[in-house]
N, C-alpha and C. Protein backbone atom coordinates (compact mmCIF):
# COMPACT_ATOMS: atom_id res chain seq x y z
N UNK A 1 132.42 15.05 70.25
CA UNK A 1 132.75 16.44 70.00
C UNK A 1 132.69 17.23 71.29
N UNK A 2 131.65 16.96 72.11
CA UNK A 2 131.53 17.68 73.38
C UNK A 2 132.68 17.35 74.31
N UNK A 3 133.13 16.10 74.28
CA UNK A 3 134.24 15.72 75.15
C UNK A 3 135.52 16.43 74.71
N UNK A 4 135.75 16.54 73.40
CA UNK A 4 136.92 17.26 72.91
C UNK A 4 136.85 18.72 73.33
N UNK A 5 135.68 19.30 73.25
CA UNK A 5 135.50 20.69 73.67
C UNK A 5 135.77 20.83 75.16
N UNK A 6 135.28 19.89 75.93
CA UNK A 6 135.49 19.91 77.38
C UNK A 6 136.98 19.79 77.70
N UNK A 7 137.66 18.87 77.03
CA UNK A 7 139.09 18.68 77.25
C UNK A 7 139.84 19.94 76.87
N UNK A 8 139.54 20.49 75.71
CA UNK A 8 140.23 21.70 75.25
C UNK A 8 139.96 22.86 76.20
N UNK A 9 138.74 23.00 76.65
CA UNK A 9 138.41 24.08 77.59
C UNK A 9 139.15 23.90 78.90
N UNK A 10 139.22 22.68 79.37
CA UNK A 10 139.92 22.41 80.63
C UNK A 10 141.41 22.70 80.49
N UNK A 11 141.98 22.32 79.35
CA UNK A 11 143.40 22.59 79.11
C UNK A 11 143.66 24.08 79.10
N UNK A 12 142.83 24.82 78.39
CA UNK A 12 143.01 26.26 78.32
C UNK A 12 142.84 26.89 79.69
N UNK A 13 141.87 26.43 80.44
CA UNK A 13 141.66 26.96 81.79
C UNK A 13 142.88 26.69 82.65
N UNK A 14 143.43 25.51 82.55
CA UNK A 14 144.62 25.19 83.34
C UNK A 14 145.83 25.97 82.88
N UNK A 15 145.91 26.22 81.60
CA UNK A 15 147.00 27.05 81.10
C UNK A 15 146.93 28.38 81.81
N UNK A 16 145.76 28.92 81.81
CA UNK A 16 145.57 30.21 82.44
C UNK A 16 145.83 30.11 83.92
N UNK A 17 145.31 29.09 84.53
CA UNK A 17 145.39 28.99 85.97
C UNK A 17 146.77 28.58 86.44
N UNK A 18 147.32 27.63 85.83
CA UNK A 18 148.53 27.11 86.34
C UNK A 18 149.74 27.65 85.70
N UNK A 19 149.71 27.78 84.52
CA UNK A 19 150.92 28.02 83.85
C UNK A 19 151.65 28.94 84.68
N UNK A 20 151.10 28.72 84.85
CA UNK A 20 151.66 29.20 85.68
C UNK A 20 152.43 28.85 86.52
N UNK A 21 151.98 28.38 87.10
CA UNK A 21 152.77 28.22 88.20
C UNK A 21 153.79 27.36 87.94
N UNK A 22 152.11 26.81 88.50
CA UNK A 22 153.13 26.79 88.39
C UNK A 22 153.15 28.16 88.24
N UNK A 23 153.48 28.55 87.07
CA UNK A 23 153.43 29.75 86.54
C UNK A 23 152.51 29.54 85.90
N UNK A 24 153.55 29.53 86.79
CA UNK A 24 153.57 30.77 87.06
C UNK A 24 153.19 31.13 85.86
N UNK A 25 151.90 29.26 85.66
CA UNK A 25 152.15 29.15 85.36
C UNK A 25 152.41 28.95 85.04
N UNK A 26 151.37 29.26 84.61
CA UNK A 26 151.03 29.29 83.90
C UNK A 26 151.03 29.59 83.67
N UNK A 27 151.73 30.43 83.86
CA UNK A 27 151.49 30.05 83.22
C UNK A 27 151.49 30.91 82.56
N UNK A 28 151.78 31.19 82.10
CA UNK A 28 152.55 31.77 81.14
C UNK A 28 151.94 32.20 79.88
N UNK A 29 150.82 32.68 79.93
CA UNK A 29 150.25 33.13 78.66
C UNK A 29 150.70 34.52 78.32
N UNK A 30 151.98 34.76 78.31
CA UNK A 30 152.52 36.06 77.95
C UNK A 30 153.05 36.00 76.52
N UNK A 31 152.78 37.02 75.75
CA UNK A 31 153.29 37.07 74.39
C UNK A 31 153.40 38.50 73.93
N UNK A 32 154.19 38.69 72.89
CA UNK A 32 154.39 40.04 72.38
C UNK A 32 153.38 40.38 71.29
N UNK A 33 152.36 39.55 71.12
CA UNK A 33 151.34 39.80 70.11
C UNK A 33 151.66 39.13 68.79
N UNK A 34 152.84 38.60 68.65
CA UNK A 34 153.23 37.91 67.44
C UNK A 34 153.30 36.43 67.74
N UNK A 35 152.41 35.64 67.16
CA UNK A 35 152.37 34.21 67.43
C UNK A 35 153.34 33.43 66.56
N UNK A 36 153.98 34.08 65.61
CA UNK A 36 154.80 33.35 64.66
C UNK A 36 155.92 32.57 65.32
N UNK A 37 156.55 33.12 66.33
CA UNK A 37 157.67 32.44 66.95
C UNK A 37 157.29 31.56 68.11
N UNK A 38 156.05 31.55 68.51
CA UNK A 38 155.66 30.83 69.71
C UNK A 38 155.76 29.32 69.57
N UNK A 39 155.48 28.77 68.44
CA UNK A 39 155.49 27.33 68.27
C UNK A 39 156.79 26.82 67.66
N UNK A 40 157.86 27.58 67.78
CA UNK A 40 159.13 27.17 67.21
C UNK A 40 159.76 26.07 68.04
N UNK A 41 160.80 25.48 67.51
CA UNK A 41 161.52 24.43 68.21
C UNK A 41 162.67 25.00 69.02
N UNK A 42 162.73 26.33 69.19
CA UNK A 42 163.80 26.93 69.97
C UNK A 42 163.79 26.36 71.38
N UNK A 43 164.97 26.14 71.93
CA UNK A 43 165.02 25.59 73.29
C UNK A 43 164.54 26.61 74.31
N UNK A 44 163.89 26.11 75.34
CA UNK A 44 163.45 26.97 76.44
C UNK A 44 164.56 27.01 77.48
N UNK A 45 164.69 28.11 78.20
CA UNK A 45 165.70 28.15 79.26
C UNK A 45 165.29 27.21 80.39
N UNK A 46 166.25 26.83 81.19
CA UNK A 46 165.96 26.00 82.35
C UNK A 46 166.41 26.73 83.60
N UNK A 47 166.04 26.19 84.71
CA UNK A 47 166.32 26.81 85.99
C UNK A 47 167.81 26.98 86.23
N UNK A 48 168.20 28.06 86.91
CA UNK A 48 169.59 28.30 87.27
C UNK A 48 170.06 27.16 88.15
N UNK A 49 171.19 26.55 87.79
CA UNK A 49 171.69 25.40 88.55
C UNK A 49 172.27 25.82 89.89
N UNK A 50 172.94 26.95 89.92
CA UNK A 50 173.54 27.44 91.16
C UNK A 50 173.24 28.92 91.29
N UNK A 51 173.32 29.45 92.51
CA UNK A 51 173.06 30.88 92.68
C UNK A 51 174.01 31.72 91.85
N UNK A 52 173.51 32.87 91.37
CA UNK A 52 174.35 33.79 90.62
C UNK A 52 175.21 34.57 91.58
N UNK A 53 176.15 35.35 91.06
CA UNK A 53 177.11 36.04 91.90
C UNK A 53 176.48 37.05 92.84
N UNK A 54 175.29 37.55 92.53
CA UNK A 54 174.66 38.53 93.42
C UNK A 54 173.86 37.86 94.53
N UNK A 55 173.94 36.53 94.61
CA UNK A 55 173.27 35.82 95.69
C UNK A 55 171.88 35.35 95.33
N UNK A 56 171.40 35.67 94.14
CA UNK A 56 170.07 35.21 93.74
C UNK A 56 170.16 33.74 93.37
N UNK A 57 169.13 33.01 93.66
CA UNK A 57 169.14 31.58 93.37
C UNK A 57 167.98 31.18 92.54
N UNK A 58 167.57 29.95 92.69
CA UNK A 58 166.47 29.45 91.89
C UNK A 58 165.47 28.76 92.78
N UNK A 59 164.27 28.68 92.28
CA UNK A 59 163.19 28.06 93.02
C UNK A 59 162.43 27.17 92.07
N UNK A 60 162.00 25.99 92.56
CA UNK A 60 161.14 25.17 91.74
C UNK A 60 159.92 24.83 92.55
N UNK A 61 158.75 25.06 91.97
CA UNK A 61 157.52 24.79 92.69
C UNK A 61 156.65 23.83 91.92
N UNK A 62 155.64 23.29 92.61
CA UNK A 62 154.69 22.42 91.94
C UNK A 62 153.38 22.46 92.68
N UNK A 63 152.31 22.04 92.00
CA UNK A 63 150.98 21.93 92.57
C UNK A 63 150.43 23.26 93.07
N UNK A 64 149.66 23.92 92.21
CA UNK A 64 149.06 25.17 92.63
C UNK A 64 147.57 25.01 92.73
N UNK A 65 146.95 26.06 93.18
CA UNK A 65 145.50 26.06 93.26
C UNK A 65 144.89 26.42 91.92
N UNK A 66 145.73 26.71 90.93
CA UNK A 66 145.25 27.01 89.60
C UNK A 66 144.94 28.46 89.38
N UNK A 67 144.92 29.29 90.39
CA UNK A 67 144.60 30.69 90.22
C UNK A 67 145.79 31.59 90.38
N UNK A 68 146.72 31.21 91.22
CA UNK A 68 147.88 32.05 91.45
C UNK A 68 149.07 31.18 91.74
N UNK A 69 150.22 31.80 91.71
CA UNK A 69 151.39 31.17 92.29
C UNK A 69 151.98 32.20 93.20
N UNK A 70 152.62 31.75 94.19
CA UNK A 70 153.16 32.70 95.14
C UNK A 70 152.45 32.50 96.45
N UNK A 71 152.24 33.58 97.18
CA UNK A 71 151.71 33.52 98.52
C UNK A 71 150.35 32.87 98.63
N UNK A 72 149.47 33.02 97.67
CA UNK A 72 148.14 32.47 97.76
C UNK A 72 148.04 31.05 97.22
N UNK A 73 149.08 30.58 96.58
CA UNK A 73 149.05 29.25 95.99
C UNK A 73 149.53 28.23 97.01
N UNK A 74 149.32 26.98 96.68
CA UNK A 74 149.80 25.91 97.54
C UNK A 74 151.11 25.36 96.98
N UNK A 75 151.86 26.20 96.31
CA UNK A 75 153.11 25.77 95.72
C UNK A 75 154.11 25.40 96.80
N UNK A 76 154.86 24.33 96.54
CA UNK A 76 155.93 23.98 97.45
C UNK A 76 157.22 24.47 96.81
N UNK A 77 158.04 25.13 97.59
CA UNK A 77 159.23 25.75 97.05
C UNK A 77 160.44 25.45 97.91
N UNK A 78 161.59 25.45 97.28
CA UNK A 78 162.84 25.35 97.98
C UNK A 78 163.69 26.52 97.53
N UNK A 79 163.99 27.43 98.44
CA UNK A 79 164.76 28.61 98.09
C UNK A 79 166.22 28.39 98.46
N UNK A 80 167.12 28.91 97.63
CA UNK A 80 168.54 28.80 97.91
C UNK A 80 169.10 30.12 98.39
N UNK A 81 168.24 31.11 98.63
CA UNK A 81 168.67 32.42 99.07
C UNK A 81 167.74 32.92 100.15
N UNK A 82 167.98 34.15 100.59
CA UNK A 82 167.14 34.77 101.60
C UNK A 82 165.90 35.40 100.98
N UNK A 83 165.74 35.31 99.68
CA UNK A 83 164.56 35.87 99.01
C UNK A 83 163.31 35.13 99.48
N UNK A 84 162.13 35.72 99.29
CA UNK A 84 160.90 35.02 99.64
C UNK A 84 160.83 33.69 98.88
N UNK A 85 160.09 32.73 99.44
CA UNK A 85 159.97 31.42 98.81
C UNK A 85 159.49 31.53 97.37
N UNK A 86 158.60 32.45 97.10
CA UNK A 86 158.11 32.67 95.74
C UNK A 86 158.35 34.12 95.36
N UNK A 87 159.43 34.40 94.63
CA UNK A 87 159.75 35.78 94.29
C UNK A 87 158.77 36.42 93.32
N UNK A 88 157.99 35.60 92.62
CA UNK A 88 157.00 36.12 91.69
C UNK A 88 155.64 35.48 91.97
N UNK A 89 154.58 36.22 91.72
CA UNK A 89 153.22 35.69 91.83
C UNK A 89 152.56 35.83 90.46
N UNK A 90 151.79 34.84 90.09
CA UNK A 90 151.08 34.84 88.81
C UNK A 90 149.60 34.65 89.09
N UNK A 91 148.79 35.54 88.53
CA UNK A 91 147.35 35.49 88.77
C UNK A 91 146.61 35.51 87.44
N UNK A 92 145.60 34.65 87.31
CA UNK A 92 144.73 34.69 86.15
C UNK A 92 143.61 35.67 86.47
N UNK A 93 143.53 36.73 85.69
CA UNK A 93 142.55 37.78 85.92
C UNK A 93 141.22 37.43 85.27
N UNK A 94 141.28 36.93 84.03
CA UNK A 94 140.05 36.69 83.28
C UNK A 94 140.34 35.68 82.16
N UNK A 95 139.34 34.83 81.88
CA UNK A 95 139.40 33.89 80.76
C UNK A 95 138.14 34.09 79.94
N UNK A 96 138.32 34.38 78.64
CA UNK A 96 137.17 34.60 77.76
C UNK A 96 137.23 33.63 76.60
N UNK A 97 136.09 33.03 76.28
CA UNK A 97 136.01 32.09 75.17
C UNK A 97 136.12 32.84 73.85
N UNK A 98 136.94 32.29 72.94
CA UNK A 98 137.08 32.87 71.60
C UNK A 98 136.89 31.80 70.53
N UNK A 99 136.35 30.66 70.90
CA UNK A 99 136.11 29.55 69.99
C UNK A 99 136.07 28.25 70.76
N UNK A 100 135.82 27.13 70.05
CA UNK A 100 135.71 25.83 70.72
C UNK A 100 136.97 25.44 71.47
N UNK A 101 138.12 25.65 70.86
CA UNK A 101 139.38 25.28 71.50
C UNK A 101 140.27 26.51 71.67
N UNK A 102 139.66 27.65 71.89
CA UNK A 102 140.37 28.92 71.98
C UNK A 102 139.91 29.69 73.21
N UNK A 103 140.86 30.27 73.93
CA UNK A 103 140.54 31.14 75.06
C UNK A 103 141.49 32.33 75.07
N UNK A 104 140.95 33.51 75.40
CA UNK A 104 141.77 34.70 75.65
C UNK A 104 141.99 34.76 77.15
N UNK A 105 143.24 34.67 77.55
CA UNK A 105 143.59 34.57 78.96
C UNK A 105 144.33 35.85 79.37
N UNK A 106 143.76 36.57 80.34
CA UNK A 106 144.41 37.76 80.88
C UNK A 106 145.05 37.37 82.20
N UNK A 107 146.35 37.65 82.33
CA UNK A 107 147.08 37.25 83.53
C UNK A 107 148.01 38.36 83.98
N UNK A 108 148.40 38.28 85.25
CA UNK A 108 149.28 39.28 85.85
C UNK A 108 150.46 38.60 86.53
N UNK A 109 151.65 39.12 86.26
CA UNK A 109 152.88 38.68 86.92
C UNK A 109 153.30 39.78 87.88
N UNK A 110 153.54 39.44 89.14
CA UNK A 110 153.92 40.42 90.16
C UNK A 110 155.28 40.05 90.74
N UNK A 111 156.17 41.04 90.81
CA UNK A 111 157.47 40.86 91.45
C UNK A 111 157.28 41.03 92.95
N UNK A 112 157.43 39.96 93.72
CA UNK A 112 157.21 39.99 95.17
C UNK A 112 158.50 40.20 95.94
N UNK A 113 159.58 40.48 95.24
CA UNK A 113 160.87 40.68 95.89
C UNK A 113 161.02 42.11 96.39
N UNK A 114 162.01 42.32 97.25
CA UNK A 114 162.30 43.66 97.77
C UNK A 114 163.10 44.49 96.78
N UNK A 115 163.60 43.87 95.73
CA UNK A 115 164.38 44.57 94.71
C UNK A 115 163.75 44.33 93.35
N UNK A 116 164.10 45.18 92.40
CA UNK A 116 163.59 45.04 91.05
C UNK A 116 164.23 43.87 90.32
N UNK A 117 163.53 43.39 89.32
CA UNK A 117 164.04 42.33 88.45
C UNK A 117 164.22 42.94 87.06
N UNK A 118 165.37 42.70 86.44
CA UNK A 118 165.65 43.25 85.12
C UNK A 118 165.70 42.13 84.09
N UNK A 119 165.41 42.50 82.85
CA UNK A 119 165.47 41.53 81.76
C UNK A 119 164.52 40.36 81.94
N UNK A 120 163.30 40.63 82.39
CA UNK A 120 162.34 39.56 82.69
C UNK A 120 161.70 39.05 81.40
N UNK A 121 161.75 37.74 81.20
CA UNK A 121 161.05 37.07 80.11
C UNK A 121 160.36 35.86 80.70
N UNK A 122 159.11 35.64 80.29
CA UNK A 122 158.33 34.50 80.78
C UNK A 122 158.12 33.53 79.63
N UNK A 123 158.40 32.26 79.87
CA UNK A 123 158.21 31.20 78.89
C UNK A 123 157.24 30.18 79.47
N UNK A 124 156.25 29.77 78.70
CA UNK A 124 155.28 28.77 79.17
C UNK A 124 155.10 27.69 78.12
N UNK A 125 154.98 26.45 78.61
CA UNK A 125 154.72 25.32 77.72
C UNK A 125 153.69 24.41 78.37
N UNK A 126 152.86 23.79 77.52
CA UNK A 126 151.90 22.80 77.97
C UNK A 126 152.20 21.50 77.22
N UNK A 127 152.18 20.40 77.97
CA UNK A 127 152.44 19.08 77.41
C UNK A 127 151.25 18.18 77.68
N UNK A 128 150.94 17.31 76.72
CA UNK A 128 149.92 16.28 76.94
C UNK A 128 150.58 15.17 77.74
N UNK A 129 149.96 14.75 78.82
CA UNK A 129 150.51 13.68 79.64
C UNK A 129 151.30 14.19 80.82
N UNK A 130 152.04 13.27 81.44
CA UNK A 130 152.77 13.57 82.67
C UNK A 130 154.26 13.78 82.47
N UNK A 131 154.66 14.14 81.29
CA UNK A 131 156.09 14.35 81.06
C UNK A 131 156.32 15.70 80.38
N UNK A 132 157.57 16.05 80.27
CA UNK A 132 157.93 17.27 79.55
C UNK A 132 158.75 16.92 78.30
N UNK A 133 158.45 15.76 77.73
CA UNK A 133 159.12 15.35 76.50
C UNK A 133 158.69 16.26 75.36
N UNK A 134 159.63 16.66 74.54
CA UNK A 134 159.33 17.62 73.48
C UNK A 134 158.25 17.11 72.52
N UNK A 135 158.14 15.80 72.33
CA UNK A 135 157.11 15.25 71.45
C UNK A 135 155.70 15.45 72.01
N UNK A 136 155.60 15.67 73.32
CA UNK A 136 154.29 15.83 73.96
C UNK A 136 153.84 17.28 74.06
N UNK A 137 154.66 18.22 73.61
CA UNK A 137 154.31 19.64 73.71
C UNK A 137 153.12 19.97 72.81
N UNK A 138 152.11 20.65 73.39
CA UNK A 138 150.93 21.02 72.60
C UNK A 138 150.74 22.53 72.52
N UNK A 139 151.45 23.30 73.34
CA UNK A 139 151.33 24.76 73.30
C UNK A 139 152.55 25.38 73.94
N UNK A 140 152.97 26.54 73.42
CA UNK A 140 154.04 27.31 74.04
C UNK A 140 153.83 28.78 73.75
N UNK A 141 154.31 29.59 74.65
CA UNK A 141 154.24 31.03 74.49
C UNK A 141 155.33 31.69 75.29
N UNK A 142 155.67 32.91 74.90
CA UNK A 142 156.68 33.66 75.65
C UNK A 142 156.34 35.14 75.58
N UNK A 143 156.83 35.87 76.56
CA UNK A 143 156.59 37.30 76.65
C UNK A 143 157.82 37.97 77.24
N UNK A 144 158.32 38.96 76.53
CA UNK A 144 159.41 39.77 77.06
C UNK A 144 158.79 40.88 77.89
N UNK A 145 158.99 40.83 79.20
CA UNK A 145 158.39 41.78 80.13
C UNK A 145 159.28 43.00 80.31
N UNK A 146 160.60 42.80 80.31
CA UNK A 146 161.53 43.89 80.56
C UNK A 146 161.85 44.00 82.03
N UNK A 147 161.88 45.23 82.55
CA UNK A 147 162.18 45.45 83.96
C UNK A 147 160.89 45.47 84.77
N UNK A 148 160.95 44.89 85.96
CA UNK A 148 159.79 44.83 86.85
C UNK A 148 160.27 45.20 88.25
N UNK A 149 159.92 46.41 88.69
CA UNK A 149 160.37 46.90 89.99
C UNK A 149 159.77 46.11 91.13
N UNK A 150 160.34 46.31 92.31
CA UNK A 150 159.84 45.64 93.51
C UNK A 150 158.37 45.96 93.71
N UNK A 151 157.55 44.93 93.83
CA UNK A 151 156.12 45.11 94.03
C UNK A 151 155.33 45.46 92.78
N UNK A 152 155.98 45.65 91.66
CA UNK A 152 155.28 46.00 90.42
C UNK A 152 154.66 44.77 89.77
N UNK A 153 153.64 45.04 88.95
CA UNK A 153 152.93 43.98 88.23
C UNK A 153 152.93 44.25 86.74
N UNK A 154 152.79 43.19 85.96
CA UNK A 154 152.70 43.27 84.50
C UNK A 154 151.49 42.43 84.09
N UNK A 155 150.56 43.05 83.39
CA UNK A 155 149.33 42.37 82.96
C UNK A 155 149.28 42.32 81.44
N UNK A 156 148.86 41.18 80.91
CA UNK A 156 148.72 41.03 79.47
C UNK A 156 147.62 40.02 79.17
N UNK A 157 147.13 40.05 77.94
CA UNK A 157 146.14 39.06 77.47
C UNK A 157 146.78 38.23 76.38
N UNK A 158 146.62 36.92 76.50
CA UNK A 158 147.22 35.98 75.56
C UNK A 158 146.14 35.06 75.00
N UNK A 159 146.14 34.87 73.70
CA UNK A 159 145.21 33.93 73.07
C UNK A 159 145.86 32.55 73.05
N UNK A 160 145.16 31.59 73.61
CA UNK A 160 145.62 30.20 73.66
C UNK A 160 144.68 29.38 72.78
N UNK A 161 145.22 28.84 71.70
CA UNK A 161 144.42 28.04 70.78
C UNK A 161 145.04 26.65 70.65
N UNK A 162 144.22 25.64 70.82
CA UNK A 162 144.64 24.26 70.61
C UNK A 162 143.91 23.70 69.41
N UNK A 163 144.61 22.88 68.64
CA UNK A 163 143.94 22.20 67.54
C UNK A 163 143.15 21.03 68.12
N UNK A 164 142.26 20.47 67.31
CA UNK A 164 141.52 19.30 67.77
C UNK A 164 142.46 18.13 68.03
N UNK A 165 143.52 18.02 67.23
CA UNK A 165 144.47 16.92 67.46
C UNK A 165 145.23 17.11 68.77
N UNK A 166 145.51 18.35 69.15
CA UNK A 166 146.16 18.61 70.44
C UNK A 166 145.22 18.27 71.60
N UNK A 167 143.96 18.64 71.45
CA UNK A 167 142.97 18.29 72.48
C UNK A 167 142.81 16.77 72.55
N UNK A 168 142.87 16.10 71.41
CA UNK A 168 142.79 14.64 71.38
C UNK A 168 143.99 14.01 72.08
N UNK A 169 145.17 14.62 71.91
CA UNK A 169 146.37 14.10 72.58
C UNK A 169 146.20 14.14 74.10
N UNK A 170 145.55 15.17 74.60
CA UNK A 170 145.27 15.25 76.04
C UNK A 170 144.31 14.13 76.44
N UNK A 171 143.29 13.92 75.62
CA UNK A 171 142.32 12.86 75.90
C UNK A 171 143.02 11.50 75.91
N UNK A 172 143.94 11.28 74.98
CA UNK A 172 144.67 10.01 74.90
C UNK A 172 145.62 9.82 76.09
N UNK A 173 145.94 10.90 76.77
CA UNK A 173 146.80 10.83 77.96
C UNK A 173 145.95 10.75 79.23
N UNK A 174 144.73 10.25 79.08
CA UNK A 174 143.79 10.11 80.19
C UNK A 174 143.49 11.44 80.86
N UNK A 175 143.60 12.53 80.09
CA UNK A 175 143.25 13.84 80.61
C UNK A 175 144.36 14.56 81.35
N UNK A 176 145.55 13.99 81.41
CA UNK A 176 146.65 14.61 82.14
C UNK A 176 147.41 15.59 81.26
N UNK A 177 147.75 16.73 81.84
CA UNK A 177 148.62 17.70 81.18
C UNK A 177 149.72 18.11 82.15
N UNK A 178 150.81 18.59 81.60
CA UNK A 178 151.91 19.14 82.39
C UNK A 178 152.13 20.57 81.91
N UNK A 179 152.13 21.50 82.84
CA UNK A 179 152.35 22.91 82.52
C UNK A 179 153.70 23.30 83.10
N UNK A 180 154.57 23.83 82.24
CA UNK A 180 155.90 24.23 82.68
C UNK A 180 156.10 25.70 82.33
N UNK A 181 156.44 26.50 83.34
CA UNK A 181 156.65 27.92 83.14
C UNK A 181 158.01 28.31 83.69
N UNK A 182 158.75 29.05 82.89
CA UNK A 182 160.07 29.54 83.31
C UNK A 182 160.05 31.05 83.29
N UNK A 183 160.50 31.65 84.40
CA UNK A 183 160.68 33.09 84.48
C UNK A 183 162.18 33.33 84.47
N UNK A 184 162.64 33.98 83.41
CA UNK A 184 164.07 34.24 83.28
C UNK A 184 164.32 35.73 83.49
N UNK A 185 165.22 36.06 84.40
CA UNK A 185 165.61 37.45 84.65
C UNK A 185 167.13 37.53 84.54
N UNK A 186 167.66 38.76 84.60
CA UNK A 186 169.11 38.91 84.62
C UNK A 186 169.70 38.35 85.91
N UNK A 187 168.88 38.24 86.95
CA UNK A 187 169.36 37.79 88.25
C UNK A 187 169.22 36.29 88.47
N UNK A 188 168.18 35.69 87.91
CA UNK A 188 167.91 34.28 88.18
C UNK A 188 166.95 33.71 87.15
N UNK A 189 166.85 32.39 87.14
CA UNK A 189 165.89 31.70 86.30
C UNK A 189 165.11 30.74 87.18
N UNK A 190 163.79 30.85 87.13
CA UNK A 190 162.91 30.02 87.95
C UNK A 190 162.04 29.17 87.05
N UNK A 191 161.88 27.90 87.38
CA UNK A 191 161.02 27.02 86.60
C UNK A 191 159.98 26.40 87.52
N UNK A 192 158.74 26.47 87.10
CA UNK A 192 157.63 25.88 87.84
C UNK A 192 157.00 24.81 86.96
N UNK A 193 156.66 23.66 87.54
CA UNK A 193 156.02 22.58 86.80
C UNK A 193 154.81 22.10 87.58
N UNK A 194 153.72 21.90 86.87
CA UNK A 194 152.48 21.42 87.49
C UNK A 194 151.86 20.37 86.59
N UNK A 195 151.36 19.31 87.19
CA UNK A 195 150.65 18.26 86.46
C UNK A 195 149.22 18.22 86.95
N UNK A 196 148.29 18.12 86.00
CA UNK A 196 146.87 18.12 86.37
C UNK A 196 146.08 17.16 85.50
N UNK A 197 145.05 16.60 86.11
CA UNK A 197 144.07 15.79 85.39
C UNK A 197 142.92 16.73 85.03
N UNK A 198 142.70 16.97 83.75
CA UNK A 198 141.70 17.96 83.33
C UNK A 198 140.40 17.35 82.85
N UNK A 199 140.28 16.02 82.92
CA UNK A 199 139.02 15.38 82.51
C UNK A 199 138.30 14.89 83.74
């Protein structure tokens, strides 16, 4: 029981820390307060394949320090435009326990670009193991942020709850999880993926 709690706690912590990054991102614990649609089978957006007409492109990063993405993270990025390597930063502000396999995660998304981003939506998913196969998904969340001006930040608190079977799936994957976060804007779509051993 203690090991399941440890695994679940580690997963939740990484969700908060990475989802980020990744998400960015982890990570992505953004939501509109309604959990009903979070665990649906709706497809998640993917990274923009080519730059959009305004010159914005896409970035894919991996391996963060678990606390932020962007300038303070160790994310590796490939930019297809003159924008900063990481146009957005994601920071975990606070993690509070709300049960054995539950955490309230407060996080902040910051637009690090010189221009505003419109139509911002953040999508985050956690998978048991080292893949992003839909059968391995154990958590997902999304948040419609709206417009985010240059240098502006958006902070929210998201409840992340895993069932015991989801925590067991992580244990069966030797403690590995994959966190995938997508930031979709009217200008571009960015996807960050991070894999971590949480045991």
